[in-house]
N, C-alpha and C. Protein backbone atom coordinates (compact mmCIF):
# COMPACT_ATOMS: atom_id res chain seq x y z
N ARG A 1 0.81 -1.19 0.00
CA ARG A 1 0.00 0.00 0.00
C ARG A 1 0.85 1.25 0.00
N ARG A 2 1.92 1.19 0.79
CA ARG A 2 2.82 2.34 0.85
C ARG A 2 3.42 2.59 -0.52
N GLU A 3 3.78 1.53 -1.19
CA GLU A 3 4.36 1.69 -2.53
C GLU A 3 3.32 2.23 -3.49
N GLU A 4 2.07 1.76 -3.38
CA GLU A 4 1.01 2.26 -4.24
C GLU A 4 0.75 3.74 -3.96
N GLU A 5 0.73 4.08 -2.66
CA GLU A 5 0.53 5.48 -2.27
C GLU A 5 1.68 6.34 -2.76
N ALA A 6 2.89 5.89 -2.63
CA ALA A 6 4.07 6.63 -3.09
C ALA A 6 4.01 6.80 -4.61
N GLU A 7 3.57 5.75 -5.29
CA GLU A 7 3.46 5.82 -6.76
C GLU A 7 2.39 6.83 -7.16
N ARG A 8 1.27 6.86 -6.48
CA ARG A 8 0.21 7.84 -6.79
C ARG A 8 0.70 9.26 -6.54
N GLN A 9 1.42 9.46 -5.45
CA GLN A 9 1.97 10.79 -5.15
C GLN A 9 2.98 11.22 -6.21
N ARG A 10 3.83 10.25 -6.60
CA ARG A 10 4.82 10.55 -7.65
C ARG A 10 4.10 10.92 -8.95
N GLN A 11 3.06 10.19 -9.31
CA GLN A 11 2.31 10.48 -10.53
C GLN A 11 1.59 11.83 -10.41
N ALA A 12 1.02 12.10 -9.24
CA ALA A 12 0.34 13.39 -9.02
C ALA A 12 1.35 14.54 -9.12
N GLU A 13 2.53 14.33 -8.52
CA GLU A 13 3.60 15.34 -8.60
C GLU A 13 4.03 15.54 -10.05
N GLU A 14 4.18 14.46 -10.78
CA GLU A 14 4.58 14.53 -12.20
C GLU A 14 3.49 15.27 -13.00
N GLN A 15 2.25 14.99 -12.71
CA GLN A 15 1.13 15.65 -13.40
C GLN A 15 1.14 17.16 -13.09
N ARG A 16 1.38 17.53 -11.82
CA ARG A 16 1.44 18.93 -11.40
C ARG A 16 2.57 19.66 -12.13
N ARG A 17 3.75 19.00 -12.22
CA ARG A 17 4.89 19.60 -12.93
C ARG A 17 4.56 19.82 -14.41
N ARG A 18 3.91 18.85 -15.04
CA ARG A 18 3.54 18.99 -16.46
C ARG A 18 2.55 20.14 -16.64
N GLU A 19 1.60 20.28 -15.72
CA GLU A 19 0.62 21.37 -15.80
C GLU A 19 1.30 22.73 -15.60
N GLU A 20 2.23 22.79 -14.63
CA GLU A 20 2.98 24.03 -14.40
C GLU A 20 3.81 24.40 -15.63
N GLU A 21 4.44 23.41 -16.23
CA GLU A 21 5.25 23.65 -17.42
C GLU A 21 4.37 24.12 -18.57
N ALA A 22 3.21 23.53 -18.74
CA ALA A 22 2.28 23.95 -19.79
C ALA A 22 1.82 25.38 -19.55
N GLU A 23 1.55 25.72 -18.28
CA GLU A 23 1.14 27.08 -17.93
C GLU A 23 2.26 28.08 -18.22
N ARG A 24 3.51 27.73 -17.88
CA ARG A 24 4.67 28.60 -18.18
C ARG A 24 4.78 28.82 -19.68
N GLN A 25 4.63 27.75 -20.44
CA GLN A 25 4.74 27.87 -21.90
C GLN A 25 3.60 28.74 -22.46
N ARG A 26 2.39 28.58 -21.93
CA ARG A 26 1.26 29.39 -22.38
C ARG A 26 1.51 30.87 -22.09
N ARG A 27 2.02 31.19 -20.89
CA ARG A 27 2.32 32.57 -20.52
C ARG A 27 3.43 33.14 -21.40
N ALA A 28 4.45 32.34 -21.65
CA ALA A 28 5.56 32.78 -22.50
C ALA A 28 5.07 33.08 -23.92
N GLU A 29 4.20 32.22 -24.45
CA GLU A 29 3.64 32.43 -25.79
C GLU A 29 2.76 33.69 -25.82
N GLU A 30 1.98 33.89 -24.77
CA GLU A 30 1.14 35.08 -24.68
C GLU A 30 2.01 36.34 -24.62
N GLN A 31 3.07 36.32 -23.84
CA GLN A 31 4.00 37.45 -23.74
C GLN A 31 4.65 37.73 -25.10
N ARG A 32 5.06 36.65 -25.81
CA ARG A 32 5.67 36.82 -27.12
C ARG A 32 4.68 37.47 -28.09
N ARG A 33 3.40 37.07 -28.06
CA ARG A 33 2.39 37.66 -28.92
C ARG A 33 2.17 39.14 -28.61
N ARG A 34 2.14 39.50 -27.30
CA ARG A 34 1.99 40.91 -26.91
C ARG A 34 3.17 41.73 -27.40
N GLU A 35 4.38 41.20 -27.22
CA GLU A 35 5.58 41.91 -27.67
C GLU A 35 5.57 42.09 -29.19
N GLU A 36 5.15 41.07 -29.91
CA GLU A 36 5.08 41.14 -31.37
C GLU A 36 4.05 42.18 -31.81
N ALA A 37 2.91 42.22 -31.14
CA ALA A 37 1.87 43.21 -31.46
C ALA A 37 2.39 44.62 -31.16
N ALA A 38 3.09 44.78 -30.05
CA ALA A 38 3.65 46.09 -29.71
C ALA A 38 4.70 46.50 -30.74
N ARG A 39 5.53 45.55 -31.19
CA ARG A 39 6.55 45.85 -32.20
C ARG A 39 5.89 46.29 -33.50
N ARG A 40 4.83 45.56 -33.92
CA ARG A 40 4.12 45.93 -35.16
C ARG A 40 3.48 47.31 -35.04
N ALA A 41 2.89 47.59 -33.87
CA ALA A 41 2.28 48.90 -33.66
C ALA A 41 3.33 50.00 -33.70
N ALA A 42 4.48 49.74 -33.10
CA ALA A 42 5.56 50.73 -33.12
C ALA A 42 6.07 50.96 -34.55
N GLU A 43 6.18 49.88 -35.31
CA GLU A 43 6.61 50.03 -36.71
C GLU A 43 5.59 50.82 -37.50
N ALA A 44 4.30 50.54 -37.28
CA ALA A 44 3.26 51.27 -37.99
C ALA A 44 3.29 52.74 -37.61
N ALA A 45 3.45 53.01 -36.33
CA ALA A 45 3.52 54.40 -35.87
C ALA A 45 4.76 55.07 -36.44
N GLY A 46 5.86 54.36 -36.46
CA GLY A 46 7.09 54.91 -37.04
C GLY A 46 6.91 55.19 -38.51
N GLY A 47 6.24 54.29 -39.22
CA GLY A 47 5.96 54.50 -40.64
C GLY A 47 5.07 55.70 -40.84
N SER A 48 4.06 55.84 -39.98
CA SER A 48 3.17 57.00 -40.07
C SER A 48 3.94 58.27 -39.79
N LEU A 49 4.80 58.22 -38.80
CA LEU A 49 5.61 59.39 -38.47
C LEU A 49 6.54 59.73 -39.62
N ASP A 50 7.15 58.70 -40.21
CA ASP A 50 8.02 58.93 -41.36
C ASP A 50 7.25 59.56 -42.51
N SER A 51 6.03 59.06 -42.77
CA SER A 51 5.25 59.63 -43.87
C SER A 51 4.79 61.04 -43.54
N LEU A 52 4.47 61.30 -42.26
CA LEU A 52 4.11 62.67 -41.87
C LEU A 52 5.29 63.61 -42.06
N ILE A 53 6.47 63.16 -41.67
CA ILE A 53 7.67 63.98 -41.82
C ILE A 53 7.93 64.24 -43.30
N ALA A 54 7.81 63.20 -44.11
CA ALA A 54 8.04 63.35 -45.55
C ALA A 54 7.04 64.31 -46.17
N SER A 55 5.77 64.21 -45.78
CA SER A 55 4.77 65.12 -46.36
C SER A 55 4.99 66.54 -45.87
N GLU A 56 5.44 66.69 -44.63
CA GLU A 56 5.74 68.04 -44.11
C GLU A 56 6.92 68.65 -44.86
N GLN A 57 7.94 67.83 -45.11
CA GLN A 57 9.09 68.33 -45.86
C GLN A 57 8.69 68.72 -47.27
N GLU A 58 7.80 67.95 -47.87
CA GLU A 58 7.32 68.26 -49.21
C GLU A 58 6.52 69.57 -49.20
N ALA A 59 5.70 69.75 -48.18
CA ALA A 59 4.92 70.99 -48.06
C ALA A 59 5.84 72.20 -47.90
N ILE A 60 6.90 72.03 -47.12
CA ILE A 60 7.86 73.12 -46.93
C ILE A 60 8.55 73.44 -48.25
N ALA A 61 8.96 72.41 -48.97
CA ALA A 61 9.61 72.62 -50.27
C ALA A 61 8.66 73.31 -51.24
N ASN A 62 7.39 72.89 -51.24
CA ASN A 62 6.40 73.53 -52.13
C ASN A 62 6.18 74.98 -51.74
N ALA A 63 6.12 75.26 -50.45
CA ALA A 63 5.94 76.64 -49.99
C ALA A 63 7.14 77.50 -50.39
N ARG A 64 8.34 76.92 -50.24
CA ARG A 64 9.54 77.64 -50.64
C ARG A 64 9.52 77.94 -52.14
N GLN A 65 9.13 76.96 -52.92
CA GLN A 65 9.06 77.14 -54.37
C GLN A 65 8.01 78.19 -54.72
N ALA A 66 6.87 78.15 -54.05
CA ALA A 66 5.81 79.13 -54.30
C ALA A 66 6.29 80.54 -53.94
N THR A 67 7.02 80.65 -52.82
CA THR A 67 7.54 81.95 -52.40
C THR A 67 8.54 82.49 -53.41
N GLU A 68 9.43 81.61 -53.87
CA GLU A 68 10.41 82.04 -54.87
C GLU A 68 9.72 82.48 -56.16
N ALA A 69 8.72 81.71 -56.58
CA ALA A 69 7.99 82.07 -57.80
C ALA A 69 7.25 83.38 -57.60
N ALA A 70 6.64 83.55 -56.42
CA ALA A 70 5.91 84.77 -56.14
C ALA A 70 6.84 85.98 -56.11
N ASN A 71 8.00 85.83 -55.48
CA ASN A 71 8.98 86.92 -55.47
C ASN A 71 9.41 87.26 -56.88
N GLY A 72 9.62 86.24 -57.69
CA GLY A 72 9.99 86.46 -59.08
C GLY A 72 8.88 87.16 -59.84
N PHE A 73 7.65 86.77 -59.57
CA PHE A 73 6.50 87.39 -60.24
C PHE A 73 6.40 88.85 -59.85
N GLN A 74 6.54 89.14 -58.57
CA GLN A 74 6.43 90.54 -58.12
C GLN A 74 7.56 91.37 -58.74
N ALA A 75 8.75 90.82 -58.81
CA ALA A 75 9.86 91.54 -59.44
C ALA A 75 9.58 91.76 -60.92
N LEU A 76 8.99 90.76 -61.56
CA LEU A 76 8.65 90.89 -62.98
C LEU A 76 7.61 91.99 -63.18
N VAL A 77 6.59 92.02 -62.36
CA VAL A 77 5.56 93.06 -62.44
C VAL A 77 6.19 94.42 -62.22
N ARG A 78 7.04 94.50 -61.20
CA ARG A 78 7.70 95.78 -60.91
C ARG A 78 8.51 96.24 -62.11
N ARG A 79 9.29 95.36 -62.73
CA ARG A 79 10.10 95.75 -63.90
C ARG A 79 9.22 96.20 -65.06
N ALA A 80 8.14 95.45 -65.31
CA ALA A 80 7.24 95.80 -66.41
C ALA A 80 6.61 97.17 -66.18
N VAL A 81 6.18 97.43 -64.95
CA VAL A 81 5.55 98.71 -64.63
C VAL A 81 6.58 99.83 -64.71
N GLU A 82 7.78 99.59 -64.20
CA GLU A 82 8.83 100.62 -64.26
C GLU A 82 9.17 100.97 -65.70
N GLN A 83 9.18 99.97 -66.58
CA GLN A 83 9.47 100.24 -67.99
C GLN A 83 8.35 101.06 -68.64
N ALA A 84 7.12 100.86 -68.17
CA ALA A 84 5.99 101.60 -68.73
C ALA A 84 5.76 102.95 -68.05
N TRP A 85 6.51 103.22 -66.99
CA TRP A 85 6.27 104.42 -66.19
C TRP A 85 6.99 105.62 -66.80
N ILE A 86 6.20 106.64 -67.07
CA ILE A 86 6.76 107.90 -67.53
C ILE A 86 6.64 108.86 -66.34
N ILE A 87 7.77 109.10 -65.71
CA ILE A 87 7.79 109.95 -64.52
C ILE A 87 7.59 111.40 -64.98
N PRO A 88 6.62 112.09 -64.39
CA PRO A 88 6.37 113.48 -64.80
C PRO A 88 7.62 114.35 -64.56
N PRO A 89 7.89 115.24 -65.49
CA PRO A 89 9.04 116.13 -65.30
C PRO A 89 8.86 116.96 -64.02
N GLY A 90 9.93 117.17 -63.34
CA GLY A 90 9.90 117.98 -62.12
C GLY A 90 9.53 117.18 -60.88
N SER A 91 9.30 115.84 -61.00
CA SER A 91 9.01 115.03 -59.82
C SER A 91 10.27 114.92 -58.98
N VAL A 92 10.13 115.18 -57.72
CA VAL A 92 11.28 115.14 -56.83
C VAL A 92 11.49 113.73 -56.30
N ASP A 93 12.71 113.45 -55.90
CA ASP A 93 13.05 112.10 -55.43
C ASP A 93 12.28 111.69 -54.18
N GLY A 94 11.81 112.60 -53.39
CA GLY A 94 11.13 112.27 -52.14
C GLY A 94 9.70 111.81 -52.31
N LEU A 95 9.13 111.91 -53.50
CA LEU A 95 7.75 111.49 -53.71
C LEU A 95 7.62 109.97 -53.62
N GLU A 96 6.49 109.55 -53.11
CA GLU A 96 6.24 108.10 -53.01
C GLU A 96 4.74 107.87 -53.04
N ALA A 97 4.32 106.91 -53.86
CA ALA A 97 2.91 106.53 -53.94
C ALA A 97 2.83 105.00 -53.83
N THR A 98 1.79 104.52 -53.16
CA THR A 98 1.56 103.08 -53.06
C THR A 98 0.24 102.78 -53.74
N LEU A 99 0.30 101.82 -54.69
CA LEU A 99 -0.89 101.44 -55.44
C LEU A 99 -1.28 100.01 -55.10
N ALA A 100 -2.60 99.75 -55.11
CA ALA A 100 -3.12 98.39 -54.91
C ALA A 100 -3.54 97.85 -56.27
N LEU A 101 -3.00 96.66 -56.61
CA LEU A 101 -3.35 96.02 -57.87
C LEU A 101 -4.26 94.84 -57.59
N ASN A 102 -5.28 94.66 -58.41
CA ASN A 102 -6.18 93.51 -58.33
C ASN A 102 -6.09 92.79 -59.67
N LEU A 103 -5.69 91.50 -59.62
CA LEU A 103 -5.50 90.73 -60.84
C LEU A 103 -6.38 89.49 -60.84
N LEU A 104 -6.70 89.03 -62.05
CA LEU A 104 -7.35 87.73 -62.24
C LEU A 104 -6.26 86.67 -62.27
N PRO A 105 -6.63 85.39 -62.13
CA PRO A 105 -5.63 84.32 -62.21
C PRO A 105 -4.91 84.30 -63.56
N THR A 106 -5.50 84.91 -64.55
CA THR A 106 -4.87 84.97 -65.88
C THR A 106 -3.83 86.09 -65.97
N GLY A 107 -3.79 86.94 -64.95
CA GLY A 107 -2.86 88.07 -64.97
C GLY A 107 -3.50 89.36 -65.48
N GLU A 108 -4.78 89.28 -65.86
CA GLU A 108 -5.49 90.48 -66.33
C GLU A 108 -5.69 91.43 -65.15
N LEU A 109 -5.55 92.72 -65.41
CA LEU A 109 -5.73 93.74 -64.39
C LEU A 109 -7.22 93.99 -64.21
N VAL A 110 -7.73 93.79 -63.01
CA VAL A 110 -9.13 94.06 -62.70
C VAL A 110 -9.26 95.51 -62.27
N GLY A 111 -8.32 95.97 -61.48
CA GLY A 111 -8.37 97.33 -60.99
C GLY A 111 -7.07 97.74 -60.34
N VAL A 112 -6.85 99.02 -60.32
CA VAL A 112 -5.68 99.59 -59.65
C VAL A 112 -6.14 100.87 -58.97
N SER A 113 -5.70 101.07 -57.75
CA SER A 113 -6.10 102.27 -57.01
C SER A 113 -4.95 102.76 -56.15
N VAL A 114 -5.03 104.02 -55.80
CA VAL A 114 -4.01 104.63 -54.95
C VAL A 114 -4.35 104.30 -53.49
N VAL A 115 -3.43 103.62 -52.81
CA VAL A 115 -3.61 103.30 -51.39
C VAL A 115 -3.09 104.47 -50.55
N ARG A 116 -1.91 104.95 -50.92
CA ARG A 116 -1.32 106.10 -50.24
C ARG A 116 -0.71 107.00 -51.30
N GLY A 117 -1.28 108.15 -51.43
CA GLY A 117 -0.83 109.08 -52.46
C GLY A 117 0.43 109.83 -52.06
N SER A 118 1.06 110.40 -53.07
CA SER A 118 2.30 111.14 -52.86
C SER A 118 2.05 112.59 -52.49
N GLY A 119 0.83 113.05 -52.74
CA GLY A 119 0.54 114.47 -52.54
C GLY A 119 0.64 115.23 -53.85
N ASP A 120 1.13 114.59 -54.89
CA ASP A 120 1.25 115.19 -56.23
C ASP A 120 0.34 114.38 -57.16
N ALA A 121 -0.80 114.99 -57.55
CA ALA A 121 -1.79 114.27 -58.36
C ALA A 121 -1.20 113.79 -59.68
N GLY A 122 -0.34 114.57 -60.31
CA GLY A 122 0.27 114.17 -61.58
C GLY A 122 1.17 112.96 -61.40
N PHE A 123 1.91 112.91 -60.33
CA PHE A 123 2.78 111.77 -60.03
C PHE A 123 1.95 110.51 -59.81
N ASP A 124 0.88 110.63 -58.99
CA ASP A 124 0.02 109.48 -58.71
C ASP A 124 -0.64 108.98 -59.99
N ARG A 125 -1.12 109.90 -60.81
CA ARG A 125 -1.76 109.52 -62.08
C ARG A 125 -0.77 108.79 -62.99
N SER A 126 0.49 109.24 -63.03
CA SER A 126 1.50 108.59 -63.88
C SER A 126 1.76 107.15 -63.42
N ALA A 127 1.72 106.93 -62.10
CA ALA A 127 1.92 105.57 -61.57
C ALA A 127 0.73 104.67 -61.95
N LEU A 128 -0.49 105.20 -61.83
CA LEU A 128 -1.67 104.43 -62.24
C LEU A 128 -1.61 104.07 -63.72
N GLN A 129 -1.24 105.03 -64.55
CA GLN A 129 -1.15 104.78 -65.99
C GLN A 129 -0.06 103.76 -66.32
N ALA A 130 1.03 103.77 -65.57
CA ALA A 130 2.11 102.81 -65.81
C ALA A 130 1.61 101.38 -65.57
N VAL A 131 0.85 101.17 -64.52
CA VAL A 131 0.31 99.84 -64.23
C VAL A 131 -0.65 99.43 -65.35
N GLU A 132 -1.52 100.33 -65.77
CA GLU A 132 -2.48 100.01 -66.82
C GLU A 132 -1.77 99.69 -68.14
N ARG A 133 -0.69 100.41 -68.47
CA ARG A 133 0.06 100.14 -69.70
C ARG A 133 0.80 98.81 -69.64
N ALA A 134 1.31 98.46 -68.46
CA ALA A 134 2.12 97.24 -68.33
C ALA A 134 1.25 95.97 -68.30
N ALA A 135 -0.02 96.12 -67.91
CA ALA A 135 -0.91 94.95 -67.82
C ALA A 135 -1.25 94.46 -69.23
N PRO A 136 -1.58 93.20 -69.41
CA PRO A 136 -1.76 92.13 -68.42
C PRO A 136 -0.43 91.48 -68.06
N PHE A 137 -0.42 90.82 -66.92
CA PHE A 137 0.77 90.14 -66.40
C PHE A 137 0.55 88.64 -66.55
N ARG A 138 0.68 88.15 -67.75
CA ARG A 138 0.36 86.75 -68.09
C ARG A 138 1.26 85.74 -67.37
N GLU A 139 2.37 86.17 -66.85
CA GLU A 139 3.27 85.27 -66.13
C GLU A 139 2.61 84.71 -64.87
N MET A 140 1.51 85.34 -64.44
CA MET A 140 0.81 84.87 -63.25
C MET A 140 0.31 83.44 -63.45
N ARG A 141 0.00 83.07 -64.67
CA ARG A 141 -0.48 81.70 -64.96
C ARG A 141 0.55 80.65 -64.59
N GLN A 142 1.82 81.02 -64.57
CA GLN A 142 2.89 80.07 -64.30
C GLN A 142 3.12 79.86 -62.79
N LEU A 143 2.50 80.70 -61.99
CA LEU A 143 2.67 80.58 -60.53
C LEU A 143 1.87 79.39 -60.00
N PRO A 144 2.38 78.75 -58.93
CA PRO A 144 1.58 77.73 -58.25
C PRO A 144 0.29 78.36 -57.72
N ALA A 145 -0.75 77.58 -57.55
CA ALA A 145 -2.05 78.09 -57.12
C ALA A 145 -1.96 78.89 -55.82
N ALA A 146 -1.14 78.43 -54.88
CA ALA A 146 -1.01 79.15 -53.60
C ALA A 146 -0.44 80.54 -53.81
N ALA A 147 0.52 80.66 -54.69
CA ALA A 147 1.12 81.96 -54.97
C ALA A 147 0.17 82.84 -55.76
N GLN A 148 -0.61 82.23 -56.65
CA GLN A 148 -1.58 83.02 -57.43
C GLN A 148 -2.55 83.71 -56.49
N SER A 149 -3.07 82.98 -55.51
CA SER A 149 -4.03 83.59 -54.60
C SER A 149 -3.38 84.70 -53.78
N GLN A 150 -2.09 84.54 -53.50
CA GLN A 150 -1.37 85.56 -52.74
C GLN A 150 -1.20 86.83 -53.54
N PHE A 151 -1.09 86.72 -54.87
CA PHE A 151 -0.84 87.89 -55.70
C PHE A 151 -2.03 88.31 -56.53
N ARG A 152 -3.23 87.89 -56.15
CA ARG A 152 -4.42 88.40 -56.81
C ARG A 152 -4.60 89.86 -56.42
N GLN A 153 -4.18 90.19 -55.20
CA GLN A 153 -4.21 91.58 -54.72
C GLN A 153 -2.90 91.84 -54.01
N PHE A 154 -2.19 92.86 -54.45
CA PHE A 154 -0.96 93.24 -53.76
C PHE A 154 -0.66 94.71 -54.04
N ASN A 155 0.25 95.24 -53.26
CA ASN A 155 0.61 96.66 -53.37
C ASN A 155 1.96 96.82 -54.03
N LEU A 156 2.10 97.91 -54.79
CA LEU A 156 3.39 98.31 -55.36
C LEU A 156 3.68 99.73 -54.91
N ARG A 157 4.91 99.96 -54.56
CA ARG A 157 5.33 101.30 -54.13
C ARG A 157 6.10 101.95 -55.27
N PHE A 158 5.79 103.20 -55.54
CA PHE A 158 6.45 103.96 -56.60
C PHE A 158 7.24 105.11 -56.00
N ARG A 159 8.54 105.11 -56.33
CA ARG A 159 9.43 106.21 -55.94
C ARG A 159 10.36 106.46 -57.12
N PRO A 160 10.50 107.70 -57.54
CA PRO A 160 11.39 107.96 -58.69
C PRO A 160 12.81 107.49 -58.47
N GLY A 161 13.28 107.49 -57.25
CA GLY A 161 14.65 107.07 -56.97
C GLY A 161 14.87 105.57 -57.17
N ASP A 162 13.78 104.79 -57.20
CA ASP A 162 13.90 103.34 -57.39
C ASP A 162 14.16 102.95 -58.84
N ILE A 163 13.84 103.83 -59.76
CA ILE A 163 14.00 103.53 -61.18
C ILE A 163 15.48 103.68 -61.54
N ARG A 164 16.00 102.65 -62.15
CA ARG A 164 17.42 102.68 -62.53
C ARG A 164 17.54 102.91 -64.02
């Protein structure tokens, strides 16, 4: 009987060890699955972050390009207007007028008005006429859409000393 009892205890102990080992393996497998899921989530988040960074860099590059194009467009408009500007005789170097230009996306002039006059009606009128003679500014079509909207309305300053 003692041997039978000892054998049953040994078998029960062996069964308990097998169950404990199975439980350890189940926990280890569960931990491995959690770690794998966390790794995949981190990779996905990293990929999303990488794509966000890439799209942000692209947006910055596009904005830079639009700014450069816009600056070029404004310089082109200024040169065209300066070439068309007939400064009235006797205009002094201290005169300055600021005009507001309104353009269509095609570069057609919708309107031009004096924002800040020089105090000399003839000088202001000559600046208005210069803008009207230089229009249309067809180069506006070549600007990116963001820059076009920025230059649908803008101001130009006229000073005789600026003309070279």
